[in-house]
């Protein structure tokens, strides 16, 4: 966790890290995702001493995550499913169609 963080940001970091681990990310990648997200939120709320232009003017991390949650009718794209299958080292993925990938990945 970055220096100068508070209890809320600590909880946020742990929650994001745990969520990433449940999605199949490595421990290191989960930590990176959590740290980047928390740092961006700190910058957006004025808690950080310095902030990049993209941190303060880009869409918030929660909105970006919401746009990627795929809660819509169609869900994730074939390419997104295939990438997840590759990350999970799912055997036979190259011969699967979208429905088969969704079933094997539990979507």
C-alpha atoms as a PDB file:
ATOM      1  CA  UNK A   1       0.000   0.000   0.000  1.00  0.00           C
ATOM      2  CA  UNK A   2       1.325   3.476  -0.782  1.00  0.00           C
ATOM      3  CA  UNK A   3       2.559   5.722   1.999  1.00  0.00           C
ATOM      4  CA  UNK A   4       0.023   8.197   3.285  1.00  0.00           C
ATOM      5  CA  UNK A   5      -2.972   5.970   2.692  1.00  0.00           C
ATOM      6  CA  UNK A   6      -5.836   5.726   5.132  1.00  0.00           C
ATOM      7  CA  UNK A   7      -7.973   2.865   6.441  1.00  0.00           C
ATOM      8  CA  UNK A   8     -10.555   3.296   3.673  1.00  0.00           C
ATOM      9  CA  UNK A   9      -7.911   3.013   0.964  1.00  0.00           C
ATOM     10  CA  UNK A  10      -6.382  -0.021   2.731  1.00  0.00           C
ATOM     11  CA  UNK A  11      -9.770  -1.772   2.645  1.00  0.00           C
ATOM     12  CA  UNK A  12     -10.285  -0.735  -0.971  1.00  0.00           C
ATOM     13  CA  UNK A  13      -6.851  -2.097  -1.906  1.00  0.00           C
ATOM     14  CA  UNK A  14      -7.502  -5.455  -0.204  1.00  0.00           C
ATOM     15  CA  UNK A  15     -10.958  -5.752  -1.768  1.00  0.00           C
ATOM     16  CA  UNK A  16      -9.665  -5.053  -5.290  1.00  0.00           C
ATOM     17  CA  UNK A  17      -6.702  -7.387  -4.809  1.00  0.00           C
ATOM     18  CA  UNK A  18      -8.945 -10.206  -3.547  1.00  0.00           C
ATOM     19  CA  UNK A  19     -11.359  -9.693  -6.437  1.00  0.00           C
ATOM     20  CA  UNK A  20      -8.526  -9.873  -8.977  1.00  0.00           C
ATOM     21  CA  UNK A  21      -7.217 -13.082  -7.379  1.00  0.00           C
ATOM     22  CA  UNK A  22     -10.698 -14.638  -7.627  1.00  0.00           C
ATOM     23  CA  UNK A  23     -10.711 -13.790 -11.356  1.00  0.00           C
ATOM     24  CA  UNK A  24      -7.534 -15.822 -11.767  1.00  0.00           C
ATOM     25  CA  UNK A  25      -4.880 -13.084 -11.736  1.00  0.00           C
ATOM     26  CA  UNK A  26      -1.495 -13.862 -10.219  1.00  0.00           C
ATOM     27  CA  UNK A  27      -0.694 -12.417  -6.795  1.00  0.00           C
ATOM     28  CA  UNK A  28       1.722  -9.926  -8.336  1.00  0.00           C
ATOM     29  CA  UNK A  29      -0.734  -8.794 -11.017  1.00  0.00           C
ATOM     30  CA  UNK A  30      -3.560  -8.518  -8.451  1.00  0.00           C
ATOM     31  CA  UNK A  31      -1.363  -6.271  -6.292  1.00  0.00           C
ATOM     32  CA  UNK A  32      -0.514  -4.112  -9.307  1.00  0.00           C
ATOM     33  CA  UNK A  33      -4.165  -3.721 -10.325  1.00  0.00           C
ATOM     34  CA  UNK A  34      -5.170  -2.837  -6.760  1.00  0.00           C
ATOM     35  CA  UNK A  35      -2.338  -0.338  -6.288  1.00  0.00           C
ATOM     36  CA  UNK A  36      -3.004   1.410  -9.605  1.00  0.00           C
ATOM     37  CA  UNK A  37      -6.723   1.642  -8.907  1.00  0.00           C
ATOM     38  CA  UNK A  38      -6.261   2.996  -5.375  1.00  0.00           C
ATOM     39  CA  UNK A  39      -3.602   5.458  -6.500  1.00  0.00           C
ATOM     40  CA  UNK A  40      -5.911   6.763  -9.230  1.00  0.00           C
ATOM     41  CA  UNK A  41      -8.766   7.194  -6.758  1.00  0.00           C
ATOM     42  CA  UNK A  42      -6.421   8.997  -4.333  1.00  0.00           C
ATOM     43  CA  UNK A  43      -5.345  11.352  -7.123  1.00  0.00           C
ATOM     44  CA  UNK A  44      -8.939  12.003  -8.231  1.00  0.00           C
ATOM     45  CA  UNK A  45     -10.022  12.878  -4.687  1.00  0.00           C
ATOM     46  CA  UNK A  46      -7.036  15.144  -4.018  1.00  0.00           C
ATOM     47  CA  UNK A  47      -5.376  12.831  -1.475  1.00  0.00           C
ATOM     48  CA  UNK A  48      -2.181  12.462  -3.504  1.00  0.00           C
ATOM     49  CA  UNK A  49       0.513  15.147  -3.630  1.00  0.00           C
ATOM     50  CA  UNK A  50       0.963  14.731  -7.386  1.00  0.00           C
ATOM     51  CA  UNK A  51      -1.447  13.472 -10.020  1.00  0.00           C
ATOM     52  CA  UNK A  52      -1.181  12.902 -13.732  1.00  0.00           C
ATOM     53  CA  UNK A  53      -3.608  14.544 -16.114  1.00  0.00           C
ATOM     54  CA  UNK A  54      -5.074  11.167 -17.045  1.00  0.00           C
ATOM     55  CA  UNK A  55      -5.730  10.342 -13.387  1.00  0.00           C
ATOM     56  CA  UNK A  56      -7.744  13.468 -12.791  1.00  0.00           C
ATOM     57  CA  UNK A  57      -9.478  13.955 -16.144  1.00  0.00           C
ATOM     58  CA  UNK A  58     -10.095  10.389 -17.309  1.00  0.00           C
ATOM     59  CA  UNK A  59     -13.171   8.435 -16.219  1.00  0.00           C
ATOM     60  CA  UNK A  60     -13.071   7.052 -12.684  1.00  0.00           C
ATOM     61  CA  UNK A  61     -11.871   3.526 -12.035  1.00  0.00           C
ATOM     62  CA  UNK A  62     -15.291   2.460 -10.777  1.00  0.00           C
ATOM     63  CA  UNK A  63     -16.980   3.718 -13.948  1.00  0.00           C
ATOM     64  CA  UNK A  64     -14.398   2.026 -16.139  1.00  0.00           C
ATOM     65  CA  UNK A  65     -14.918  -1.234 -14.240  1.00  0.00           C
ATOM     66  CA  UNK A  66     -18.658  -0.893 -14.623  1.00  0.00           C
ATOM     67  CA  UNK A  67     -18.296  -0.510 -18.367  1.00  0.00           C
ATOM     68  CA  UNK A  68     -16.258  -3.715 -18.448  1.00  0.00           C
ATOM     69  CA  UNK A  69     -18.497  -5.749 -16.178  1.00  0.00           C
ATOM     70  CA  UNK A  70     -20.431  -7.179 -19.152  1.00  0.00           C
ATOM     71  CA  UNK A  71     -23.687  -7.295 -17.293  1.00  0.00           C
ATOM     72  CA  UNK A  72     -25.503  -6.598 -20.557  1.00  0.00           C
ATOM     73  CA  UNK A  73     -27.399  -9.128 -22.609  1.00  0.00           C
ATOM     74  CA  UNK A  74     -24.497 -10.155 -24.810  1.00  0.00           C
ATOM     75  CA  UNK A  75     -21.818 -10.419 -22.132  1.00  0.00           C
ATOM     76  CA  UNK A  76     -18.106 -10.549 -22.922  1.00  0.00           C
ATOM     77  CA  UNK A  77     -16.886 -10.806 -26.492  1.00  0.00           C
ATOM     78  CA  UNK A  78     -15.318 -13.918 -27.969  1.00  0.00           C
ATOM     79  CA  UNK A  79     -11.901 -12.245 -27.867  1.00  0.00           C
ATOM     80  CA  UNK A  80     -12.305 -11.379 -24.186  1.00  0.00           C
ATOM     81  CA  UNK A  81     -13.375 -14.940 -23.380  1.00  0.00           C
ATOM     82  CA  UNK A  82     -10.499 -16.365 -25.393  1.00  0.00           C
ATOM     83  CA  UNK A  83      -7.996 -14.108 -23.608  1.00  0.00           C
ATOM     84  CA  UNK A  84      -9.322 -15.253 -20.246  1.00  0.00           C
ATOM     85  CA  UNK A  85      -9.128 -18.899 -21.361  1.00  0.00           C
ATOM     86  CA  UNK A  86      -5.513 -18.327 -22.406  1.00  0.00           C
ATOM     87  CA  UNK A  87      -4.710 -16.734 -19.013  1.00  0.00           C
ATOM     88  CA  UNK A  88      -6.261 -19.743 -17.270  1.00  0.00           C
ATOM     89  CA  UNK A  89      -4.425 -22.113 -19.628  1.00  0.00           C
ATOM     90  CA  UNK A  90      -7.671 -23.778 -20.701  1.00  0.00           C
ATOM     91  CA  UNK A  91      -6.852 -26.707 -23.002  1.00  0.00           C
ATOM     92  CA  UNK A  92      -8.727 -26.964 -26.301  1.00  0.00           C
ATOM     93  CA  UNK A  93      -9.654 -23.278 -26.301  1.00  0.00           C
ATOM     94  CA  UNK A  94      -8.644 -22.710 -29.925  1.00  0.00           C
ATOM     95  CA  UNK A  95     -11.365 -25.072 -31.144  1.00  0.00           C
ATOM     96  CA  UNK A  96     -14.121 -23.603 -28.981  1.00  0.00           C
ATOM     97  CA  UNK A  97     -16.802 -21.165 -30.029  1.00  0.00           C
ATOM     98  CA  UNK A  98     -18.145 -18.356 -27.829  1.00  0.00           C
ATOM     99  CA  UNK A  99     -20.813 -20.494 -26.128  1.00  0.00           C
ATOM    100  CA  UNK A 100     -18.308 -23.258 -25.335  1.00  0.00           C
ATOM    101  CA  UNK A 101     -15.807 -20.767 -23.916  1.00  0.00           C
ATOM    102  CA  UNK A 102     -18.534 -19.195 -21.746  1.00  0.00           C
ATOM    103  CA  UNK A 103     -19.534 -22.623 -20.441  1.00  0.00           C
ATOM    104  CA  UNK A 104     -15.970 -23.720 -19.693  1.00  0.00           C
ATOM    105  CA  UNK A 105     -15.111 -20.431 -17.986  1.00  0.00           C
ATOM    106  CA  UNK A 106     -18.327 -20.374 -15.982  1.00  0.00           C
ATOM    107  CA  UNK A 107     -19.781 -17.184 -17.481  1.00  0.00           C
END
